[in-house]
């Protein structure tokens, strides 16, 4: 039986490497727990966002 997944809203700031500008982001993701959600968001940002650093400012578990 697959593990139960929950919906999370992850909010943070992306700091672009090129010019050090900051952009807020918010993303919904399905994960097993909050640590797994953060790991998935960081992976997504590494693949799809401009190069830079990300700072997670909040995570919220959404009710199903």
Protein backbone atom coordinates (compact mmCIF):
# COMPACT_ATOMS: atom_id res chain seq x y z
CA UNK A 1 0.00 0.00 0.00
CA UNK A 2 1.52 3.39 -0.97
CA UNK A 3 2.21 5.92 1.79
CA UNK A 4 -0.40 8.59 2.49
CA UNK A 5 0.29 11.93 0.84
CA UNK A 6 -0.93 15.31 2.04
CA UNK A 7 -1.15 18.70 0.33
CA UNK A 8 1.21 21.45 1.48
CA UNK A 9 1.55 25.11 0.62
CA UNK A 10 5.22 26.15 0.74
CA UNK A 11 6.14 29.86 0.71
CA UNK A 12 9.56 31.44 0.47
CA UNK A 13 11.99 33.72 -1.33
CA UNK A 14 14.17 32.98 -4.33
CA UNK A 15 17.41 35.02 -4.46
CA UNK A 16 18.77 35.10 -8.01
CA UNK A 17 22.51 34.48 -8.32
CA UNK A 18 22.90 36.87 -11.27
CA UNK A 19 21.75 40.15 -9.69
CA UNK A 20 20.83 39.17 -6.08
CA UNK A 21 17.23 40.24 -6.65
CA UNK A 22 14.57 38.57 -4.52
CA UNK A 23 11.28 37.09 -5.68
CA UNK A 24 8.60 35.63 -3.42
CA UNK A 25 7.19 32.24 -4.36
CA UNK A 26 4.33 30.06 -3.22
CA UNK A 27 3.75 26.52 -4.44
CA UNK A 28 1.31 23.71 -3.65
CA UNK A 29 2.77 20.22 -3.54
CA UNK A 30 1.76 16.70 -2.46
CA UNK A 31 4.15 14.99 -0.06
CA UNK A 32 4.28 12.52 2.83
CA UNK A 33 5.26 15.15 5.43
CA UNK A 34 6.57 18.72 5.68
CA UNK A 35 10.25 17.71 5.30
CA UNK A 36 9.44 15.75 2.15
CA UNK A 37 7.49 18.76 0.81
CA UNK A 38 10.48 21.08 1.32
CA UNK A 39 12.79 18.58 -0.39
CA UNK A 40 10.44 18.36 -3.41
CA UNK A 41 10.08 22.15 -3.66
CA UNK A 42 13.86 22.67 -3.55
CA UNK A 43 14.28 20.03 -6.29
CA UNK A 44 11.61 21.75 -8.40
CA UNK A 45 13.27 25.16 -7.97
CA UNK A 46 16.70 23.74 -8.84
CA UNK A 47 15.31 22.41 -12.14
CA UNK A 48 12.91 25.20 -13.14
CA UNK A 49 13.92 28.49 -11.48
CA UNK A 50 16.84 30.82 -12.26
CA UNK A 51 20.10 29.87 -10.52
CA UNK A 52 20.29 31.15 -6.98
CA UNK A 53 19.34 30.39 -3.40
CA UNK A 54 15.94 29.66 -1.93
CA UNK A 55 14.76 30.46 1.59
CA UNK A 56 11.67 28.65 2.85
CA UNK A 57 9.63 31.05 5.00
CA UNK A 58 6.56 28.94 5.72
CA UNK A 59 4.88 25.63 5.18
CA UNK A 60 1.21 24.95 5.73
CA UNK A 61 -0.57 21.59 5.62
CA UNK A 62 -3.82 21.94 3.71
CA UNK A 63 -6.84 19.84 4.67
CA UNK A 64 -7.95 17.19 2.21
